[in-house]
C-alpha atoms as a PDB file:
ATOM      1  CA  UNK A   1     139.061 -23.901 -40.047  1.00  0.00           C
ATOM      2  CA  UNK A   2     136.162 -25.743 -41.943  1.00  0.00           C
ATOM      3  CA  UNK A   3     133.827 -23.630 -44.294  1.00  0.00           C
ATOM      4  CA  UNK A   4     130.967 -22.104 -42.588  1.00  0.00           C
ATOM      5  CA  UNK A   5     127.851 -24.209 -43.329  1.00  0.00           C
ATOM      6  CA  UNK A   6     124.306 -23.347 -43.784  1.00  0.00           C
ATOM      7  CA  UNK A   7     123.110 -26.200 -41.698  1.00  0.00           C
ATOM      8  CA  UNK A   8     122.845 -24.965 -37.954  1.00  0.00           C
ATOM      9  CA  UNK A   9     122.646 -28.597 -36.727  1.00  0.00           C
ATOM     10  CA  UNK A  10     126.067 -29.664 -38.543  1.00  0.00           C
ATOM     11  CA  UNK A  11     127.479 -26.266 -37.188  1.00  0.00           C
ATOM     12  CA  UNK A  12     126.567 -26.867 -33.578  1.00  0.00           C
ATOM     13  CA  UNK A  13     127.872 -30.641 -33.947  1.00  0.00           C
ATOM     14  CA  UNK A  14     131.151 -29.197 -35.085  1.00  0.00           C
ATOM     15  CA  UNK A  15     131.438 -26.721 -32.147  1.00  0.00           C
ATOM     16  CA  UNK A  16     130.725 -29.470 -29.990  1.00  0.00           C
ATOM     17  CA  UNK A  17     133.460 -31.754 -31.369  1.00  0.00           C
ATOM     18  CA  UNK A  18     135.911 -28.990 -31.323  1.00  0.00           C
ATOM     19  CA  UNK A  19     135.184 -28.111 -27.552  1.00  0.00           C
ATOM     20  CA  UNK A  20     135.094 -31.654 -26.477  1.00  0.00           C
ATOM     21  CA  UNK A  21     138.695 -32.245 -28.187  1.00  0.00           C
ATOM     22  CA  UNK A  22     140.209 -29.029 -26.452  1.00  0.00           C
ATOM     23  CA  UNK A  23     138.328 -29.257 -23.229  1.00  0.00           C
ATOM     24  CA  UNK A  24     140.355 -29.578 -19.998  1.00  0.00           C
ATOM     25  CA  UNK A  25     139.349 -32.403 -17.874  1.00  0.00           C
ATOM     26  CA  UNK A  26     137.588 -32.072 -14.368  1.00  0.00           C
ATOM     27  CA  UNK A  27     139.710 -32.335 -11.489  1.00  0.00           C
ATOM     28  CA  UNK A  28     139.712 -35.672  -9.826  1.00  0.00           C
ATOM     29  CA  UNK A  29     139.097 -36.063  -6.242  1.00  0.00           C
ATOM     30  CA  UNK A  30     140.769 -39.425  -5.207  1.00  0.00           C
ATOM     31  CA  UNK A  31     139.683 -39.629  -1.743  1.00  0.00           C
ATOM     32  CA  UNK A  32     136.528 -38.264   0.132  1.00  0.00           C
ATOM     33  CA  UNK A  33     137.107 -38.157   3.855  1.00  0.00           C
ATOM     34  CA  UNK A  34     134.388 -37.728   6.205  1.00  0.00           C
ATOM     35  CA  UNK A  35     134.594 -34.685   8.560  1.00  0.00           C
ATOM     36  CA  UNK A  36     133.557 -34.683  12.283  1.00  0.00           C
ATOM     37  CA  UNK A  37     133.077 -31.222  13.673  1.00  0.00           C
ATOM     38  CA  UNK A  38     132.915 -30.302  17.523  1.00  0.00           C
ATOM     39  CA  UNK A  39     133.315 -27.377  19.854  1.00  0.00           C
ATOM     40  CA  UNK A  40     136.279 -27.194  21.910  1.00  0.00           C
ATOM     41  CA  UNK A  41     136.217 -26.067  25.376  1.00  0.00           C
ATOM     42  CA  UNK A  42     137.797 -25.855  28.871  1.00  0.00           C
ATOM     43  CA  UNK A  43     136.340 -27.562  31.828  1.00  0.00           C
ATOM     44  CA  UNK A  44     138.988 -26.481  34.489  1.00  0.00           C
ATOM     45  CA  UNK A  45     142.512 -27.497  33.103  1.00  0.00           C
ATOM     46  CA  UNK A  46     140.770 -30.092  30.813  1.00  0.00           C
ATOM     47  CA  UNK A  47     140.180 -29.627  27.151  1.00  0.00           C
ATOM     48  CA  UNK A  48     137.144 -31.450  25.780  1.00  0.00           C
ATOM     49  CA  UNK A  49     135.251 -31.637  22.469  1.00  0.00           C
ATOM     50  CA  UNK A  50     131.350 -31.544  22.204  1.00  0.00           C
ATOM     51  CA  UNK A  51     129.797 -32.884  19.199  1.00  0.00           C
ATOM     52  CA  UNK A  52     128.445 -30.117  16.924  1.00  0.00           C
ATOM     53  CA  UNK A  53     125.045 -31.795  16.627  1.00  0.00           C
ATOM     54  CA  UNK A  54     124.667 -31.874  20.346  1.00  0.00           C
ATOM     55  CA  UNK A  55     125.371 -28.210  21.147  1.00  0.00           C
ATOM     56  CA  UNK A  56     122.420 -25.751  19.906  1.00  0.00           C
ATOM     57  CA  UNK A  57     123.884 -22.443  20.738  1.00  0.00           C
ATOM     58  CA  UNK A  58     126.772 -20.904  22.828  1.00  0.00           C
ATOM     59  CA  UNK A  59     125.931 -17.719  24.989  1.00  0.00           C
ATOM     60  CA  UNK A  60     127.727 -15.340  27.291  1.00  0.00           C
ATOM     61  CA  UNK A  61     126.418 -15.940  30.797  1.00  0.00           C
ATOM     62  CA  UNK A  62     122.922 -14.222  30.948  1.00  0.00           C
ATOM     63  CA  UNK A  63     121.306 -12.628  33.888  1.00  0.00           C
ATOM     64  CA  UNK A  64     120.029 -15.401  36.071  1.00  0.00           C
ATOM     65  CA  UNK A  65     117.314 -15.693  38.678  1.00  0.00           C
ATOM     66  CA  UNK A  66     118.327 -18.282  41.554  1.00  0.00           C
ATOM     67  CA  UNK A  67     115.945 -21.354  41.884  1.00  0.00           C
ATOM     68  CA  UNK A  68     114.971 -22.074  45.580  1.00  0.00           C
ATOM     69  CA  UNK A  69     115.569 -25.472  46.612  1.00  0.00           C
ATOM     70  CA  UNK A  70     118.005 -26.548  43.897  1.00  0.00           C
ATOM     71  CA  UNK A  71     121.317 -27.767  44.257  1.00  0.00           C
ATOM     72  CA  UNK A  72     124.315 -25.607  44.071  1.00  0.00           C
ATOM     73  CA  UNK A  73     125.282 -26.560  40.570  1.00  0.00           C
ATOM     74  CA  UNK A  74     122.026 -25.359  39.472  1.00  0.00           C
ATOM     75  CA  UNK A  75     122.942 -21.304  38.831  1.00  0.00           C
ATOM     76  CA  UNK A  76     119.434 -20.315  37.930  1.00  0.00           C
ATOM     77  CA  UNK A  77     117.109 -19.545  35.167  1.00  0.00           C
ATOM     78  CA  UNK A  78     117.702 -17.344  32.555  1.00  0.00           C
ATOM     79  CA  UNK A  79     115.187 -15.539  29.744  1.00  0.00           C
ATOM     80  CA  UNK A  80     116.899 -16.277  26.541  1.00  0.00           C
ATOM     81  CA  UNK A  81     114.796 -14.486  23.673  1.00  0.00           C
ATOM     82  CA  UNK A  82     111.470 -15.535  25.745  1.00  0.00           C
ATOM     83  CA  UNK A  83     112.422 -19.111  26.504  1.00  0.00           C
ATOM     84  CA  UNK A  84     113.258 -20.144  29.999  1.00  0.00           C
ATOM     85  CA  UNK A  85     116.603 -21.939  30.324  1.00  0.00           C
ATOM     86  CA  UNK A  86     118.137 -23.601  33.229  1.00  0.00           C
ATOM     87  CA  UNK A  87     121.887 -22.662  33.647  1.00  0.00           C
ATOM     88  CA  UNK A  88     124.025 -25.606  35.060  1.00  0.00           C
ATOM     89  CA  UNK A  89     127.532 -25.139  36.386  1.00  0.00           C
ATOM     90  CA  UNK A  90     129.108 -28.280  34.571  1.00  0.00           C
ATOM     91  CA  UNK A  91     132.166 -28.214  37.048  1.00  0.00           C
ATOM     92  CA  UNK A  92     129.970 -27.787  39.948  1.00  0.00           C
ATOM     93  CA  UNK A  93     127.795 -30.895  38.817  1.00  0.00           C
ATOM     94  CA  UNK A  94     130.956 -33.111  38.179  1.00  0.00           C
ATOM     95  CA  UNK A  95     133.244 -32.190  41.036  1.00  0.00           C
ATOM     96  CA  UNK A  96     131.392 -30.087  43.470  1.00  0.00           C
ATOM     97  CA  UNK A  97     133.481 -26.888  42.549  1.00  0.00           C
ATOM     98  CA  UNK A  98     131.705 -23.904  41.366  1.00  0.00           C
ATOM     99  CA  UNK A  99     133.121 -22.365  38.381  1.00  0.00           C
ATOM    100  CA  UNK A 100     133.928 -18.823  39.040  1.00  0.00           C
ATOM    101  CA  UNK A 101     132.471 -16.907  35.685  1.00  0.00           C
ATOM    102  CA  UNK A 102     134.808 -14.773  33.929  1.00  0.00           C
ATOM    103  CA  UNK A 103     135.223 -13.041  30.666  1.00  0.00           C
ATOM    104  CA  UNK A 104     135.932 -16.333  28.836  1.00  0.00           C
ATOM    105  CA  UNK A 105     133.307 -18.308  30.609  1.00  0.00           C
ATOM    106  CA  UNK A 106     130.330 -19.306  28.172  1.00  0.00           C
ATOM    107  CA  UNK A 107     127.168 -21.339  28.323  1.00  0.00           C
ATOM    108  CA  UNK A 108     126.779 -24.462  26.034  1.00  0.00           C
ATOM    109  CA  UNK A 109     123.170 -24.864  25.243  1.00  0.00           C
ATOM    110  CA  UNK A 110     121.841 -28.483  24.701  1.00  0.00           C
ATOM    111  CA  UNK A 111     118.264 -29.654  23.844  1.00  0.00           C
ATOM    112  CA  UNK A 112     118.202 -33.546  23.918  1.00  0.00           C
ATOM    113  CA  UNK A 113     114.960 -35.400  24.226  1.00  0.00           C
ATOM    114  CA  UNK A 114     113.246 -32.806  26.048  1.00  0.00           C
ATOM    115  CA  UNK A 115     116.477 -31.447  28.285  1.00  0.00           C
ATOM    116  CA  UNK A 116     116.730 -28.001  27.394  1.00  0.00           C
ATOM    117  CA  UNK A 117     119.772 -26.590  29.566  1.00  0.00           C
ATOM    118  CA  UNK A 118     122.526 -24.340  29.291  1.00  0.00           C
ATOM    119  CA  UNK A 119     126.050 -25.501  30.662  1.00  0.00           C
ATOM    120  CA  UNK A 120     128.599 -23.086  32.293  1.00  0.00           C
ATOM    121  CA  UNK A 121     132.054 -23.863  31.121  1.00  0.00           C
ATOM    122  CA  UNK A 122     135.354 -22.155  31.701  1.00  0.00           C
ATOM    123  CA  UNK A 123     136.219 -21.139  28.124  1.00  0.00           C
ATOM    124  CA  UNK A 124     134.993 -22.122  24.639  1.00  0.00           C
ATOM    125  CA  UNK A 125     137.902 -22.837  22.218  1.00  0.00           C
ATOM    126  CA  UNK A 126     135.785 -22.357  19.135  1.00  0.00           C
ATOM    127  CA  UNK A 127     134.736 -24.956  16.331  1.00  0.00           C
ATOM    128  CA  UNK A 128     137.129 -27.746  15.497  1.00  0.00           C
ATOM    129  CA  UNK A 129     137.408 -29.913  12.388  1.00  0.00           C
ATOM    130  CA  UNK A 130     138.826 -33.476  12.107  1.00  0.00           C
ATOM    131  CA  UNK A 131     138.890 -36.296   9.917  1.00  0.00           C
ATOM    132  CA  UNK A 132     136.445 -38.817  11.216  1.00  0.00           C
ATOM    133  CA  UNK A 133     139.091 -41.735  10.692  1.00  0.00           C
ATOM    134  CA  UNK A 134     141.590 -39.818  12.916  1.00  0.00           C
ATOM    135  CA  UNK A 135     139.555 -40.579  16.146  1.00  0.00           C
ATOM    136  CA  UNK A 136     141.239 -42.476  18.733  1.00  0.00           C
ATOM    137  CA  UNK A 137     140.283 -46.171  19.655  1.00  0.00           C
ATOM    138  CA  UNK A 138     141.791 -45.783  22.906  1.00  0.00           C
ATOM    139  CA  UNK A 139     139.357 -45.117  26.105  1.00  0.00           C
ATOM    140  CA  UNK A 140     140.295 -41.774  27.384  1.00  0.00           C
ATOM    141  CA  UNK A 141     141.799 -41.332  30.908  1.00  0.00           C
ATOM    142  CA  UNK A 142     139.920 -39.265  33.286  1.00  0.00           C
ATOM    143  CA  UNK A 143     138.465 -38.805  36.792  1.00  0.00           C
ATOM    144  CA  UNK A 144     135.540 -41.164  37.540  1.00  0.00           C
ATOM    145  CA  UNK A 145     133.172 -38.068  37.792  1.00  0.00           C
ATOM    146  CA  UNK A 146     134.011 -37.122  34.240  1.00  0.00           C
ATOM    147  CA  UNK A 147     134.632 -40.611  32.763  1.00  0.00           C
ATOM    148  CA  UNK A 148     131.044 -41.758  32.352  1.00  0.00           C
ATOM    149  CA  UNK A 149     130.534 -38.782  29.983  1.00  0.00           C
ATOM    150  CA  UNK A 150     133.496 -39.309  27.723  1.00  0.00           C
ATOM    151  CA  UNK A 151     134.238 -41.073  24.315  1.00  0.00           C
ATOM    152  CA  UNK A 152     137.446 -41.629  22.499  1.00  0.00           C
ATOM    153  CA  UNK A 153     138.840 -38.229  21.312  1.00  0.00           C
ATOM    154  CA  UNK A 154     140.752 -36.648  18.548  1.00  0.00           C
ATOM    155  CA  UNK A 155     144.643 -36.057  18.163  1.00  0.00           C
ATOM    156  CA  UNK A 156     145.263 -32.020  18.711  1.00  0.00           C
ATOM    157  CA  UNK A 157     148.949 -31.408  18.297  1.00  0.00           C
ATOM    158  CA  UNK A 158     150.609 -33.589  21.142  1.00  0.00           C
ATOM    159  CA  UNK A 159     147.720 -34.176  23.141  1.00  0.00           C
ATOM    160  CA  UNK A 160     144.323 -36.117  22.642  1.00  0.00           C
ATOM    161  CA  UNK A 161     141.021 -34.309  23.178  1.00  0.00           C
ATOM    162  CA  UNK A 162     138.140 -36.656  24.344  1.00  0.00           C
ATOM    163  CA  UNK A 163     134.760 -36.225  23.406  1.00  0.00           C
ATOM    164  CA  UNK A 164     132.156 -35.092  25.797  1.00  0.00           C
ATOM    165  CA  UNK A 165     128.927 -36.576  25.254  1.00  0.00           C
ATOM    166  CA  UNK A 166     126.078 -34.160  25.979  1.00  0.00           C
ATOM    167  CA  UNK A 167     123.556 -36.805  25.196  1.00  0.00           C
ATOM    168  CA  UNK A 168     124.882 -39.174  28.072  1.00  0.00           C
ATOM    169  CA  UNK A 169     124.658 -35.999  30.268  1.00  0.00           C
ATOM    170  CA  UNK A 170     121.228 -35.150  29.233  1.00  0.00           C
ATOM    171  CA  UNK A 171     120.054 -38.852  30.104  1.00  0.00           C
ATOM    172  CA  UNK A 172     121.799 -39.064  33.284  1.00  0.00           C
ATOM    173  CA  UNK A 173     119.327 -39.659  36.032  1.00  0.00           C
ATOM    174  CA  UNK A 174     121.795 -37.633  38.377  1.00  0.00           C
ATOM    175  CA  UNK A 175     121.974 -34.558  36.142  1.00  0.00           C
ATOM    176  CA  UNK A 176     117.937 -34.673  36.215  1.00  0.00           C
ATOM    177  CA  UNK A 177     117.981 -34.634  39.903  1.00  0.00           C
ATOM    178  CA  UNK A 178     118.120 -30.824  40.365  1.00  0.00           C
ATOM    179  CA  UNK A 179     116.273 -30.689  43.877  1.00  0.00           C
ATOM    180  CA  UNK A 180     118.150 -30.535  47.277  1.00  0.00           C
END
């Protein structure tokens, strides 16, 4: 060790030199991969993904007030924290078969370009994260009723879960026609 010096600047320079010599390097991240996040959900037996940015909230089925003159897939209006939220049965809208609400049923809330609505689904499977590069390039196979809202999906175990576009649904003229 060198002699203590009376010059504080020289002392600080010596401390810095020793620290740099003995410092471990920072870990290097070789590859930064973009992540894509979604909400997994069941629509009947089908597993789908809703882009995280297109779902504003997930609710249990609230108390509903029926809307006279509305199509059967319009379940009603709910008061959610002082806001009126129309609740739609997604299975009823697509296939004409009403979802029987159960313990696992949930409402996915969307808010896109003035379309504020809740969509009843059979079950929410939670938040899913994928590497963006893992997205399939193959168009999903589905019924014609569902196909208009699907985008290529992501592999989950032995299956590929398609992406359900809430934006396409909200922009669909058919979805906006709720009156009988």
